[in-house]
Amino acid sequence: TDYQEWITWTEIVPPDRIALVHGES
């Protein structure tokens, strides 16, 4: 089975934190 995935990075604070939104599109 293939699962379509999509992530957009909303905040990146190296090397402490990554925030994102994850969905199919």
PDBML (XML) file of the C-alpha atoms, coordinates in Angstrom:
<?xml version="1.0" encoding="UTF-8" ?>
<PDBx:datablock datablockName="MODEL"
   xmlns:PDBx="http://pdbml.pdb.org/schema/pdbx-v50.xsd"
   xmlns:xsi="http://www.w3.org/2001/XMLSchema-instance"
   xsi:schemaLocation="http://pdbml.pdb.org/schema/pdbx-v50.xsd pdbx-v50.xsd">
   <PDBx:atom_siteCategory>
      <PDBx:atom_site id="1">
         <PDBx:B_iso_or_equiv>0.00</PDBx:B_iso_or_equiv>
         <PDBx:Cartn_x>0.000</PDBx:Cartn_x>
         <PDBx:Cartn_y>0.000</PDBx:Cartn_y>
         <PDBx:Cartn_z>0.000</PDBx:Cartn_z>
         <PDBx:auth_asym_id>A</PDBx:auth_asym_id>
         <PDBx:auth_atom_id>CA</PDBx:auth_atom_id>
         <PDBx:auth_comp_id>THR</PDBx:auth_comp_id>
         <PDBx:auth_seq_id>1</PDBx:auth_seq_id>
         <PDBx:group_PDB>ATOM</PDBx:group_PDB>
         <PDBx:label_alt_id xsi:nil="true" />
         <PDBx:label_asym_id>A</PDBx:label_asym_id>
         <PDBx:label_atom_id>CA</PDBx:label_atom_id>
         <PDBx:label_comp_id>THR</PDBx:label_comp_id>
         <PDBx:label_entity_id>1</PDBx:label_entity_id>
         <PDBx:label_seq_id>1</PDBx:label_seq_id>
         <PDBx:occupancy>1.00</PDBx:occupancy>
         <PDBx:pdbx_PDB_model_num>1</PDBx:pdbx_PDB_model_num>
         <PDBx:type_symbol>C</PDBx:type_symbol>
      </PDBx:atom_site>
      <PDBx:atom_site id="2">
         <PDBx:B_iso_or_equiv>0.00</PDBx:B_iso_or_equiv>
         <PDBx:Cartn_x>1.207</PDBx:Cartn_x>
         <PDBx:Cartn_y>3.499</PDBx:Cartn_y>
         <PDBx:Cartn_z>-0.885</PDBx:Cartn_z>
         <PDBx:auth_asym_id>A</PDBx:auth_asym_id>
         <PDBx:auth_atom_id>CA</PDBx:auth_atom_id>
         <PDBx:auth_comp_id>ASP</PDBx:auth_comp_id>
         <PDBx:auth_seq_id>2</PDBx:auth_seq_id>
         <PDBx:group_PDB>ATOM</PDBx:group_PDB>
         <PDBx:label_alt_id xsi:nil="true" />
         <PDBx:label_asym_id>A</PDBx:label_asym_id>
         <PDBx:label_atom_id>CA</PDBx:label_atom_id>
         <PDBx:label_comp_id>ASP</PDBx:label_comp_id>
         <PDBx:label_entity_id>1</PDBx:label_entity_id>
         <PDBx:label_seq_id>2</PDBx:label_seq_id>
         <PDBx:occupancy>1.00</PDBx:occupancy>
         <PDBx:pdbx_PDB_model_num>1</PDBx:pdbx_PDB_model_num>
         <PDBx:type_symbol>C</PDBx:type_symbol>
      </PDBx:atom_site>
      <PDBx:atom_site id="3">
         <PDBx:B_iso_or_equiv>0.00</PDBx:B_iso_or_equiv>
         <PDBx:Cartn_x>0.412</PDBx:Cartn_x>
         <PDBx:Cartn_y>6.365</PDBx:Cartn_y>
         <PDBx:Cartn_z>1.478</PDBx:Cartn_z>
         <PDBx:auth_asym_id>A</PDBx:auth_asym_id>
         <PDBx:auth_atom_id>CA</PDBx:auth_atom_id>
         <PDBx:auth_comp_id>TYR</PDBx:auth_comp_id>
         <PDBx:auth_seq_id>3</PDBx:auth_seq_id>
         <PDBx:group_PDB>ATOM</PDBx:group_PDB>
         <PDBx:label_alt_id xsi:nil="true" />
         <PDBx:label_asym_id>A</PDBx:label_asym_id>
         <PDBx:label_atom_id>CA</PDBx:label_atom_id>
         <PDBx:label_comp_id>TYR</PDBx:label_comp_id>
         <PDBx:label_entity_id>1</PDBx:label_entity_id>
         <PDBx:label_seq_id>3</PDBx:label_seq_id>
         <PDBx:occupancy>1.00</PDBx:occupancy>
         <PDBx:pdbx_PDB_model_num>1</PDBx:pdbx_PDB_model_num>
         <PDBx:type_symbol>C</PDBx:type_symbol>
      </PDBx:atom_site>
      <PDBx:atom_site id="4">
         <PDBx:B_iso_or_equiv>0.00</PDBx:B_iso_or_equiv>
         <PDBx:Cartn_x>0.553</PDBx:Cartn_x>
         <PDBx:Cartn_y>9.900</PDBx:Cartn_y>
         <PDBx:Cartn_z>0.038</PDBx:Cartn_z>
         <PDBx:auth_asym_id>A</PDBx:auth_asym_id>
         <PDBx:auth_atom_id>CA</PDBx:auth_atom_id>
         <PDBx:auth_comp_id>GLN</PDBx:auth_comp_id>
         <PDBx:auth_seq_id>4</PDBx:auth_seq_id>
         <PDBx:group_PDB>ATOM</PDBx:group_PDB>
         <PDBx:label_alt_id xsi:nil="true" />
         <PDBx:label_asym_id>A</PDBx:label_asym_id>
         <PDBx:label_atom_id>CA</PDBx:label_atom_id>
         <PDBx:label_comp_id>GLN</PDBx:label_comp_id>
         <PDBx:label_entity_id>1</PDBx:label_entity_id>
         <PDBx:label_seq_id>4</PDBx:label_seq_id>
         <PDBx:occupancy>1.00</PDBx:occupancy>
         <PDBx:pdbx_PDB_model_num>1</PDBx:pdbx_PDB_model_num>
         <PDBx:type_symbol>C</PDBx:type_symbol>
      </PDBx:atom_site>
      <PDBx:atom_site id="5">
         <PDBx:B_iso_or_equiv>0.00</PDBx:B_iso_or_equiv>
         <PDBx:Cartn_x>2.202</PDBx:Cartn_x>
         <PDBx:Cartn_y>12.181</PDBx:Cartn_y>
         <PDBx:Cartn_z>2.608</PDBx:Cartn_z>
         <PDBx:auth_asym_id>A</PDBx:auth_asym_id>
         <PDBx:auth_atom_id>CA</PDBx:auth_atom_id>
         <PDBx:auth_comp_id>GLU</PDBx:auth_comp_id>
         <PDBx:auth_seq_id>5</PDBx:auth_seq_id>
         <PDBx:group_PDB>ATOM</PDBx:group_PDB>
         <PDBx:label_alt_id xsi:nil="true" />
         <PDBx:label_asym_id>A</PDBx:label_asym_id>
         <PDBx:label_atom_id>CA</PDBx:label_atom_id>
         <PDBx:label_comp_id>GLU</PDBx:label_comp_id>
         <PDBx:label_entity_id>1</PDBx:label_entity_id>
         <PDBx:label_seq_id>5</PDBx:label_seq_id>
         <PDBx:occupancy>1.00</PDBx:occupancy>
         <PDBx:pdbx_PDB_model_num>1</PDBx:pdbx_PDB_model_num>
         <PDBx:type_symbol>C</PDBx:type_symbol>
      </PDBx:atom_site>
      <PDBx:atom_site id="6">
         <PDBx:B_iso_or_equiv>0.00</PDBx:B_iso_or_equiv>
         <PDBx:Cartn_x>2.842</PDBx:Cartn_x>
         <PDBx:Cartn_y>15.897</PDBx:Cartn_y>
         <PDBx:Cartn_z>2.812</PDBx:Cartn_z>
         <PDBx:auth_asym_id>A</PDBx:auth_asym_id>
         <PDBx:auth_atom_id>CA</PDBx:auth_atom_id>
         <PDBx:auth_comp_id>TRP</PDBx:auth_comp_id>
         <PDBx:auth_seq_id>6</PDBx:auth_seq_id>
         <PDBx:group_PDB>ATOM</PDBx:group_PDB>
         <PDBx:label_alt_id xsi:nil="true" />
         <PDBx:label_asym_id>A</PDBx:label_asym_id>
         <PDBx:label_atom_id>CA</PDBx:label_atom_id>
         <PDBx:label_comp_id>TRP</PDBx:label_comp_id>
         <PDBx:label_entity_id>1</PDBx:label_entity_id>
         <PDBx:label_seq_id>6</PDBx:label_seq_id>
         <PDBx:occupancy>1.00</PDBx:occupancy>
         <PDBx:pdbx_PDB_model_num>1</PDBx:pdbx_PDB_model_num>
         <PDBx:type_symbol>C</PDBx:type_symbol>
      </PDBx:atom_site>
      <PDBx:atom_site id="7">
         <PDBx:B_iso_or_equiv>0.00</PDBx:B_iso_or_equiv>
         <PDBx:Cartn_x>4.649</PDBx:Cartn_x>
         <PDBx:Cartn_y>17.924</PDBx:Cartn_y>
         <PDBx:Cartn_z>5.457</PDBx:Cartn_z>
         <PDBx:auth_asym_id>A</PDBx:auth_asym_id>
         <PDBx:auth_atom_id>CA</PDBx:auth_atom_id>
         <PDBx:auth_comp_id>ILE</PDBx:auth_comp_id>
         <PDBx:auth_seq_id>7</PDBx:auth_seq_id>
         <PDBx:group_PDB>ATOM</PDBx:group_PDB>
         <PDBx:label_alt_id xsi:nil="true" />
         <PDBx:label_asym_id>A</PDBx:label_asym_id>
         <PDBx:label_atom_id>CA</PDBx:label_atom_id>
         <PDBx:label_comp_id>ILE</PDBx:label_comp_id>
         <PDBx:label_entity_id>1</PDBx:label_entity_id>
         <PDBx:label_seq_id>7</PDBx:label_seq_id>
         <PDBx:occupancy>1.00</PDBx:occupancy>
         <PDBx:pdbx_PDB_model_num>1</PDBx:pdbx_PDB_model_num>
         <PDBx:type_symbol>C</PDBx:type_symbol>
      </PDBx:atom_site>
      <PDBx:atom_site id="8">
         <PDBx:B_iso_or_equiv>0.00</PDBx:B_iso_or_equiv>
         <PDBx:Cartn_x>5.180</PDBx:Cartn_x>
         <PDBx:Cartn_y>21.652</PDBx:Cartn_y>
         <PDBx:Cartn_z>5.668</PDBx:Cartn_z>
         <PDBx:auth_asym_id>A</PDBx:auth_asym_id>
         <PDBx:auth_atom_id>CA</PDBx:auth_atom_id>
         <PDBx:auth_comp_id>THR</PDBx:auth_comp_id>
         <PDBx:auth_seq_id>8</PDBx:auth_seq_id>
         <PDBx:group_PDB>ATOM</PDBx:group_PDB>
         <PDBx:label_alt_id xsi:nil="true" />
         <PDBx:label_asym_id>A</PDBx:label_asym_id>
         <PDBx:label_atom_id>CA</PDBx:label_atom_id>
         <PDBx:label_comp_id>THR</PDBx:label_comp_id>
         <PDBx:label_entity_id>1</PDBx:label_entity_id>
         <PDBx:label_seq_id>8</PDBx:label_seq_id>
         <PDBx:occupancy>1.00</PDBx:occupancy>
         <PDBx:pdbx_PDB_model_num>1</PDBx:pdbx_PDB_model_num>
         <PDBx:type_symbol>C</PDBx:type_symbol>
      </PDBx:atom_site>
      <PDBx:atom_site id="9">
         <PDBx:B_iso_or_equiv>0.00</PDBx:B_iso_or_equiv>
         <PDBx:Cartn_x>7.750</PDBx:Cartn_x>
         <PDBx:Cartn_y>22.935</PDBx:Cartn_y>
         <PDBx:Cartn_z>8.128</PDBx:Cartn_z>
         <PDBx:auth_asym_id>A</PDBx:auth_asym_id>
         <PDBx:auth_atom_id>CA</PDBx:auth_atom_id>
         <PDBx:auth_comp_id>TRP</PDBx:auth_comp_id>
         <PDBx:auth_seq_id>9</PDBx:auth_seq_id>
         <PDBx:group_PDB>ATOM</PDBx:group_PDB>
         <PDBx:label_alt_id xsi:nil="true" />
         <PDBx:label_asym_id>A</PDBx:label_asym_id>
         <PDBx:label_atom_id>CA</PDBx:label_atom_id>
         <PDBx:label_comp_id>TRP</PDBx:label_comp_id>
         <PDBx:label_entity_id>1</PDBx:label_entity_id>
         <PDBx:label_seq_id>9</PDBx:label_seq_id>
         <PDBx:occupancy>1.00</PDBx:occupancy>
         <PDBx:pdbx_PDB_model_num>1</PDBx:pdbx_PDB_model_num>
         <PDBx:type_symbol>C</PDBx:type_symbol>
      </PDBx:atom_site>
      <PDBx:atom_site id="10">
         <PDBx:B_iso_or_equiv>0.00</PDBx:B_iso_or_equiv>
         <PDBx:Cartn_x>6.287</PDBx:Cartn_x>
         <PDBx:Cartn_y>25.772</PDBx:Cartn_y>
         <PDBx:Cartn_z>10.216</PDBx:Cartn_z>
         <PDBx:auth_asym_id>A</PDBx:auth_asym_id>
         <PDBx:auth_atom_id>CA</PDBx:auth_atom_id>
         <PDBx:auth_comp_id>THR</PDBx:auth_comp_id>
         <PDBx:auth_seq_id>10</PDBx:auth_seq_id>
         <PDBx:group_PDB>ATOM</PDBx:group_PDB>
         <PDBx:label_alt_id xsi:nil="true" />
         <PDBx:label_asym_id>A</PDBx:label_asym_id>
         <PDBx:label_atom_id>CA</PDBx:label_atom_id>
         <PDBx:label_comp_id>THR</PDBx:label_comp_id>
         <PDBx:label_entity_id>1</PDBx:label_entity_id>
         <PDBx:label_seq_id>10</PDBx:label_seq_id>
         <PDBx:occupancy>1.00</PDBx:occupancy>
         <PDBx:pdbx_PDB_model_num>1</PDBx:pdbx_PDB_model_num>
         <PDBx:type_symbol>C</PDBx:type_symbol>
      </PDBx:atom_site>
      <PDBx:atom_site id="11">
         <PDBx:B_iso_or_equiv>0.00</PDBx:B_iso_or_equiv>
         <PDBx:Cartn_x>9.207</PDBx:Cartn_x>
         <PDBx:Cartn_y>26.450</PDBx:Cartn_y>
         <PDBx:Cartn_z>12.562</PDBx:Cartn_z>
         <PDBx:auth_asym_id>A</PDBx:auth_asym_id>
         <PDBx:auth_atom_id>CA</PDBx:auth_atom_id>
         <PDBx:auth_comp_id>GLU</PDBx:auth_comp_id>
         <PDBx:auth_seq_id>11</PDBx:auth_seq_id>
         <PDBx:group_PDB>ATOM</PDBx:group_PDB>
         <PDBx:label_alt_id xsi:nil="true" />
         <PDBx:label_asym_id>A</PDBx:label_asym_id>
         <PDBx:label_atom_id>CA</PDBx:label_atom_id>
         <PDBx:label_comp_id>GLU</PDBx:label_comp_id>
         <PDBx:label_entity_id>1</PDBx:label_entity_id>
         <PDBx:label_seq_id>11</PDBx:label_seq_id>
         <PDBx:occupancy>1.00</PDBx:occupancy>
         <PDBx:pdbx_PDB_model_num>1</PDBx:pdbx_PDB_model_num>
         <PDBx:type_symbol>C</PDBx:type_symbol>
      </PDBx:atom_site>
      <PDBx:atom_site id="12">
         <PDBx:B_iso_or_equiv>0.00</PDBx:B_iso_or_equiv>
         <PDBx:Cartn_x>12.832</PDBx:Cartn_x>
         <PDBx:Cartn_y>25.307</PDBx:Cartn_y>
         <PDBx:Cartn_z>12.624</PDBx:Cartn_z>
         <PDBx:auth_asym_id>A</PDBx:auth_asym_id>
         <PDBx:auth_atom_id>CA</PDBx:auth_atom_id>
         <PDBx:auth_comp_id>ILE</PDBx:auth_comp_id>
         <PDBx:auth_seq_id>12</PDBx:auth_seq_id>
         <PDBx:group_PDB>ATOM</PDBx:group_PDB>
         <PDBx:label_alt_id xsi:nil="true" />
         <PDBx:label_asym_id>A</PDBx:label_asym_id>
         <PDBx:label_atom_id>CA</PDBx:label_atom_id>
         <PDBx:label_comp_id>ILE</PDBx:label_comp_id>
         <PDBx:label_entity_id>1</PDBx:label_entity_id>
         <PDBx:label_seq_id>12</PDBx:label_seq_id>
         <PDBx:occupancy>1.00</PDBx:occupancy>
         <PDBx:pdbx_PDB_model_num>1</PDBx:pdbx_PDB_model_num>
         <PDBx:type_symbol>C</PDBx:type_symbol>
      </PDBx:atom_site>
      <PDBx:atom_site id="13">
         <PDBx:B_iso_or_equiv>0.00</PDBx:B_iso_or_equiv>
         <PDBx:Cartn_x>15.121</PDBx:Cartn_x>
         <PDBx:Cartn_y>26.172</PDBx:Cartn_y>
         <PDBx:Cartn_z>15.529</PDBx:Cartn_z>
         <PDBx:auth_asym_id>A</PDBx:auth_asym_id>
         <PDBx:auth_atom_id>CA</PDBx:auth_atom_id>
         <PDBx:auth_comp_id>VAL</PDBx:auth_comp_id>
         <PDBx:auth_seq_id>13</PDBx:auth_seq_id>
         <PDBx:group_PDB>ATOM</PDBx:group_PDB>
         <PDBx:label_alt_id xsi:nil="true" />
         <PDBx:label_asym_id>A</PDBx:label_asym_id>
         <PDBx:label_atom_id>CA</PDBx:label_atom_id>
         <PDBx:label_comp_id>VAL</PDBx:label_comp_id>
         <PDBx:label_entity_id>1</PDBx:label_entity_id>
         <PDBx:label_seq_id>13</PDBx:label_seq_id>
         <PDBx:occupancy>1.00</PDBx:occupancy>
         <PDBx:pdbx_PDB_model_num>1</PDBx:pdbx_PDB_model_num>
         <PDBx:type_symbol>C</PDBx:type_symbol>
      </PDBx:atom_site>
      <PDBx:atom_site id="14">
         <PDBx:B_iso_or_equiv>0.00</PDBx:B_iso_or_equiv>
         <PDBx:Cartn_x>18.388</PDBx:Cartn_x>
         <PDBx:Cartn_y>24.225</PDBx:Cartn_y>
         <PDBx:Cartn_z>15.095</PDBx:Cartn_z>
         <PDBx:auth_asym_id>A</PDBx:auth_asym_id>
         <PDBx:auth_atom_id>CA</PDBx:auth_atom_id>
         <PDBx:auth_comp_id>PRO</PDBx:auth_comp_id>
         <PDBx:auth_seq_id>14</PDBx:auth_seq_id>
         <PDBx:group_PDB>ATOM</PDBx:group_PDB>
         <PDBx:label_alt_id xsi:nil="true" />
         <PDBx:label_asym_id>A</PDBx:label_asym_id>
         <PDBx:label_atom_id>CA</PDBx:label_atom_id>
         <PDBx:label_comp_id>PRO</PDBx:label_comp_id>
         <PDBx:label_entity_id>1</PDBx:label_entity_id>
         <PDBx:label_seq_id>14</PDBx:label_seq_id>
         <PDBx:occupancy>1.00</PDBx:occupancy>
         <PDBx:pdbx_PDB_model_num>1</PDBx:pdbx_PDB_model_num>
         <PDBx:type_symbol>C</PDBx:type_symbol>
      </PDBx:atom_site>
      <PDBx:atom_site id="15">
         <PDBx:B_iso_or_equiv>0.00</PDBx:B_iso_or_equiv>
         <PDBx:Cartn_x>19.190</PDBx:Cartn_x>
         <PDBx:Cartn_y>22.031</PDBx:Cartn_y>
         <PDBx:Cartn_z>16.965</PDBx:Cartn_z>
         <PDBx:auth_asym_id>A</PDBx:auth_asym_id>
         <PDBx:auth_atom_id>CA</PDBx:auth_atom_id>
         <PDBx:auth_comp_id>PRO</PDBx:auth_comp_id>
         <PDBx:auth_seq_id>15</PDBx:auth_seq_id>
         <PDBx:group_PDB>ATOM</PDBx:group_PDB>
         <PDBx:label_alt_id xsi:nil="true" />
         <PDBx:label_asym_id>A</PDBx:label_asym_id>
         <PDBx:label_atom_id>CA</PDBx:label_atom_id>
         <PDBx:label_comp_id>PRO</PDBx:label_comp_id>
         <PDBx:label_entity_id>1</PDBx:label_entity_id>
         <PDBx:label_seq_id>15</PDBx:label_seq_id>
         <PDBx:occupancy>1.00</PDBx:occupancy>
         <PDBx:pdbx_PDB_model_num>1</PDBx:pdbx_PDB_model_num>
         <PDBx:type_symbol>C</PDBx:type_symbol>
      </PDBx:atom_site>
      <PDBx:atom_site id="16">
         <PDBx:B_iso_or_equiv>0.00</PDBx:B_iso_or_equiv>
         <PDBx:Cartn_x>16.303</PDBx:Cartn_x>
         <PDBx:Cartn_y>22.409</PDBx:Cartn_y>
         <PDBx:Cartn_z>19.447</PDBx:Cartn_z>
         <PDBx:auth_asym_id>A</PDBx:auth_asym_id>
         <PDBx:auth_atom_id>CA</PDBx:auth_atom_id>
         <PDBx:auth_comp_id>ASP</PDBx:auth_comp_id>
         <PDBx:auth_seq_id>16</PDBx:auth_seq_id>
         <PDBx:group_PDB>ATOM</PDBx:group_PDB>
         <PDBx:label_alt_id xsi:nil="true" />
         <PDBx:label_asym_id>A</PDBx:label_asym_id>
         <PDBx:label_atom_id>CA</PDBx:label_atom_id>
         <PDBx:label_comp_id>ASP</PDBx:label_comp_id>
         <PDBx:label_entity_id>1</PDBx:label_entity_id>
         <PDBx:label_seq_id>16</PDBx:label_seq_id>
         <PDBx:occupancy>1.00</PDBx:occupancy>
         <PDBx:pdbx_PDB_model_num>1</PDBx:pdbx_PDB_model_num>
         <PDBx:type_symbol>C</PDBx:type_symbol>
      </PDBx:atom_site>
      <PDBx:atom_site id="17">
         <PDBx:B_iso_or_equiv>0.00</PDBx:B_iso_or_equiv>
         <PDBx:Cartn_x>12.950</PDBx:Cartn_x>
         <PDBx:Cartn_y>22.183</PDBx:Cartn_y>
         <PDBx:Cartn_z>17.728</PDBx:Cartn_z>
         <PDBx:auth_asym_id>A</PDBx:auth_asym_id>
         <PDBx:auth_atom_id>CA</PDBx:auth_atom_id>
         <PDBx:auth_comp_id>ARG</PDBx:auth_comp_id>
         <PDBx:auth_seq_id>17</PDBx:auth_seq_id>
         <PDBx:group_PDB>ATOM</PDBx:group_PDB>
         <PDBx:label_alt_id xsi:nil="true" />
         <PDBx:label_asym_id>A</PDBx:label_asym_id>
         <PDBx:label_atom_id>CA</PDBx:label_atom_id>
         <PDBx:label_comp_id>ARG</PDBx:label_comp_id>
         <PDBx:label_entity_id>1</PDBx:label_entity_id>
         <PDBx:label_seq_id>17</PDBx:label_seq_id>
         <PDBx:occupancy>1.00</PDBx:occupancy>
         <PDBx:pdbx_PDB_model_num>1</PDBx:pdbx_PDB_model_num>
         <PDBx:type_symbol>C</PDBx:type_symbol>
      </PDBx:atom_site>
      <PDBx:atom_site id="18">
         <PDBx:B_iso_or_equiv>0.00</PDBx:B_iso_or_equiv>
         <PDBx:Cartn_x>11.041</PDBx:Cartn_x>
         <PDBx:Cartn_y>21.459</PDBx:Cartn_y>
         <PDBx:Cartn_z>14.541</PDBx:Cartn_z>
         <PDBx:auth_asym_id>A</PDBx:auth_asym_id>
         <PDBx:auth_atom_id>CA</PDBx:auth_atom_id>
         <PDBx:auth_comp_id>ILE</PDBx:auth_comp_id>
         <PDBx:auth_seq_id>18</PDBx:auth_seq_id>
         <PDBx:group_PDB>ATOM</PDBx:group_PDB>
         <PDBx:label_alt_id xsi:nil="true" />
         <PDBx:label_asym_id>A</PDBx:label_asym_id>
         <PDBx:label_atom_id>CA</PDBx:label_atom_id>
         <PDBx:label_comp_id>ILE</PDBx:label_comp_id>
         <PDBx:label_entity_id>1</PDBx:label_entity_id>
         <PDBx:label_seq_id>18</PDBx:label_seq_id>
         <PDBx:occupancy>1.00</PDBx:occupancy>
         <PDBx:pdbx_PDB_model_num>1</PDBx:pdbx_PDB_model_num>
         <PDBx:type_symbol>C</PDBx:type_symbol>
      </PDBx:atom_site>
      <PDBx:atom_site id="19">
         <PDBx:B_iso_or_equiv>0.00</PDBx:B_iso_or_equiv>
         <PDBx:Cartn_x>7.336</PDBx:Cartn_x>
         <PDBx:Cartn_y>22.259</PDBx:Cartn_y>
         <PDBx:Cartn_z>14.124</PDBx:Cartn_z>
         <PDBx:auth_asym_id>A</PDBx:auth_asym_id>
         <PDBx:auth_atom_id>CA</PDBx:auth_atom_id>
         <PDBx:auth_comp_id>ALA</PDBx:auth_comp_id>
         <PDBx:auth_seq_id>19</PDBx:auth_seq_id>
         <PDBx:group_PDB>ATOM</PDBx:group_PDB>
         <PDBx:label_alt_id xsi:nil="true" />
         <PDBx:label_asym_id>A</PDBx:label_asym_id>
         <PDBx:label_atom_id>CA</PDBx:label_atom_id>
         <PDBx:label_comp_id>ALA</PDBx:label_comp_id>
         <PDBx:label_entity_id>1</PDBx:label_entity_id>
         <PDBx:label_seq_id>19</PDBx:label_seq_id>
         <PDBx:occupancy>1.00</PDBx:occupancy>
         <PDBx:pdbx_PDB_model_num>1</PDBx:pdbx_PDB_model_num>
         <PDBx:type_symbol>C</PDBx:type_symbol>
      </PDBx:atom_site>
      <PDBx:atom_site id="20">
         <PDBx:B_iso_or_equiv>0.00</PDBx:B_iso_or_equiv>
         <PDBx:Cartn_x>5.337</PDBx:Cartn_x>
         <PDBx:Cartn_y>21.001</PDBx:Cartn_y>
         <PDBx:Cartn_z>11.177</PDBx:Cartn_z>
         <PDBx:auth_asym_id>A</PDBx:auth_asym_id>
         <PDBx:auth_atom_id>CA</PDBx:auth_atom_id>
         <PDBx:auth_comp_id>LEU</PDBx:auth_comp_id>
         <PDBx:auth_seq_id>20</PDBx:auth_seq_id>
         <PDBx:group_PDB>ATOM</PDBx:group_PDB>
         <PDBx:label_alt_id xsi:nil="true" />
         <PDBx:label_asym_id>A</PDBx:label_asym_id>
         <PDBx:label_atom_id>CA</PDBx:label_atom_id>
         <PDBx:label_comp_id>LEU</PDBx:label_comp_id>
         <PDBx:label_entity_id>1</PDBx:label_entity_id>
         <PDBx:label_seq_id>20</PDBx:label_seq_id>
         <PDBx:occupancy>1.00</PDBx:occupancy>
         <PDBx:pdbx_PDB_model_num>1</PDBx:pdbx_PDB_model_num>
         <PDBx:type_symbol>C</PDBx:type_symbol>
      </PDBx:atom_site>
      <PDBx:atom_site id="21">
         <PDBx:B_iso_or_equiv>0.00</PDBx:B_iso_or_equiv>
         <PDBx:Cartn_x>1.929</PDBx:Cartn_x>
         <PDBx:Cartn_y>20.229</PDBx:Cartn_y>
         <PDBx:Cartn_z>9.726</PDBx:Cartn_z>
         <PDBx:auth_asym_id>A</PDBx:auth_asym_id>
         <PDBx:auth_atom_id>CA</PDBx:auth_atom_id>
         <PDBx:auth_comp_id>VAL</PDBx:auth_comp_id>
         <PDBx:auth_seq_id>21</PDBx:auth_seq_id>
         <PDBx:group_PDB>ATOM</PDBx:group_PDB>
         <PDBx:label_alt_id xsi:nil="true" />
         <PDBx:label_asym_id>A</PDBx:label_asym_id>
         <PDBx:label_atom_id>CA</PDBx:label_atom_id>
         <PDBx:label_comp_id>VAL</PDBx:label_comp_id>
         <PDBx:label_entity_id>1</PDBx:label_entity_id>
         <PDBx:label_seq_id>21</PDBx:label_seq_id>
         <PDBx:occupancy>1.00</PDBx:occupancy>
         <PDBx:pdbx_PDB_model_num>1</PDBx:pdbx_PDB_model_num>
         <PDBx:type_symbol>C</PDBx:type_symbol>
      </PDBx:atom_site>
      <PDBx:atom_site id="22">
         <PDBx:B_iso_or_equiv>0.00</PDBx:B_iso_or_equiv>
         <PDBx:Cartn_x>1.492</PDBx:Cartn_x>
         <PDBx:Cartn_y>16.661</PDBx:Cartn_y>
         <PDBx:Cartn_z>8.402</PDBx:Cartn_z>
         <PDBx:auth_asym_id>A</PDBx:auth_asym_id>
         <PDBx:auth_atom_id>CA</PDBx:auth_atom_id>
         <PDBx:auth_comp_id>HIS</PDBx:auth_comp_id>
         <PDBx:auth_seq_id>22</PDBx:auth_seq_id>
         <PDBx:group_PDB>ATOM</PDBx:group_PDB>
         <PDBx:label_alt_id xsi:nil="true" />
         <PDBx:label_asym_id>A</PDBx:label_asym_id>
         <PDBx:label_atom_id>CA</PDBx:label_atom_id>
         <PDBx:label_comp_id>HIS</PDBx:label_comp_id>
         <PDBx:label_entity_id>1</PDBx:label_entity_id>
         <PDBx:label_seq_id>22</PDBx:label_seq_id>
         <PDBx:occupancy>1.00</PDBx:occupancy>
         <PDBx:pdbx_PDB_model_num>1</PDBx:pdbx_PDB_model_num>
         <PDBx:type_symbol>C</PDBx:type_symbol>
      </PDBx:atom_site>
      <PDBx:atom_site id="23">
         <PDBx:B_iso_or_equiv>0.00</PDBx:B_iso_or_equiv>
         <PDBx:Cartn_x>-1.276</PDBx:Cartn_x>
         <PDBx:Cartn_y>15.398</PDBx:Cartn_y>
         <PDBx:Cartn_z>6.149</PDBx:Cartn_z>
         <PDBx:auth_asym_id>A</PDBx:auth_asym_id>
         <PDBx:auth_atom_id>CA</PDBx:auth_atom_id>
         <PDBx:auth_comp_id>GLY</PDBx:auth_comp_id>
         <PDBx:auth_seq_id>23</PDBx:auth_seq_id>
         <PDBx:group_PDB>ATOM</PDBx:group_PDB>
         <PDBx:label_alt_id xsi:nil="true" />
         <PDBx:label_asym_id>A</PDBx:label_asym_id>
         <PDBx:label_atom_id>CA</PDBx:label_atom_id>
         <PDBx:label_comp_id>GLY</PDBx:label_comp_id>
         <PDBx:label_entity_id>1</PDBx:label_entity_id>
         <PDBx:label_seq_id>23</PDBx:label_seq_id>
         <PDBx:occupancy>1.00</PDBx:occupancy>
         <PDBx:pdbx_PDB_model_num>1</PDBx:pdbx_PDB_model_num>
         <PDBx:type_symbol>C</PDBx:type_symbol>
      </PDBx:atom_site>
      <PDBx:atom_site id="24">
         <PDBx:B_iso_or_equiv>0.00</PDBx:B_iso_or_equiv>
         <PDBx:Cartn_x>-1.929</PDBx:Cartn_x>
         <PDBx:Cartn_y>13.627</PDBx:Cartn_y>
         <PDBx:Cartn_z>2.881</PDBx:Cartn_z>
         <PDBx:auth_asym_id>A</PDBx:auth_asym_id>
         <PDBx:auth_atom_id>CA</PDBx:auth_atom_id>
         <PDBx:auth_comp_id>GLU</PDBx:auth_comp_id>
         <PDBx:auth_seq_id>24</PDBx:auth_seq_id>
         <PDBx:group_PDB>ATOM</PDBx:group_PDB>
         <PDBx:label_alt_id xsi:nil="true" />
         <PDBx:label_asym_id>A</PDBx:label_asym_id>
         <PDBx:label_atom_id>CA</PDBx:label_atom_id>
         <PDBx:label_comp_id>GLU</PDBx:label_comp_id>
         <PDBx:label_entity_id>1</PDBx:label_entity_id>
         <PDBx:label_seq_id>24</PDBx:label_seq_id>
         <PDBx:occupancy>1.00</PDBx:occupancy>
         <PDBx:pdbx_PDB_model_num>1</PDBx:pdbx_PDB_model_num>
         <PDBx:type_symbol>C</PDBx:type_symbol>
      </PDBx:atom_site>
      <PDBx:atom_site id="25">
         <PDBx:B_iso_or_equiv>0.00</PDBx:B_iso_or_equiv>
         <PDBx:Cartn_x>-1.838</PDBx:Cartn_x>
         <PDBx:Cartn_y>16.869</PDBx:Cartn_y>
         <PDBx:Cartn_z>0.890</PDBx:Cartn_z>
         <PDBx:auth_asym_id>A</PDBx:auth_asym_id>
         <PDBx:auth_atom_id>CA</PDBx:auth_atom_id>
         <PDBx:auth_comp_id>SER</PDBx:auth_comp_id>
         <PDBx:auth_seq_id>25</PDBx:auth_seq_id>
         <PDBx:group_PDB>ATOM</PDBx:group_PDB>
         <PDBx:label_alt_id xsi:nil="true" />
         <PDBx:label_asym_id>A</PDBx:label_asym_id>
         <PDBx:label_atom_id>CA</PDBx:label_atom_id>
         <PDBx:label_comp_id>SER</PDBx:label_comp_id>
         <PDBx:label_entity_id>1</PDBx:label_entity_id>
         <PDBx:label_seq_id>25</PDBx:label_seq_id>
         <PDBx:occupancy>1.00</PDBx:occupancy>
         <PDBx:pdbx_PDB_model_num>1</PDBx:pdbx_PDB_model_num>
         <PDBx:type_symbol>C</PDBx:type_symbol>
      </PDBx:atom_site>
   </PDBx:atom_siteCategory>
</PDBx:datablock>
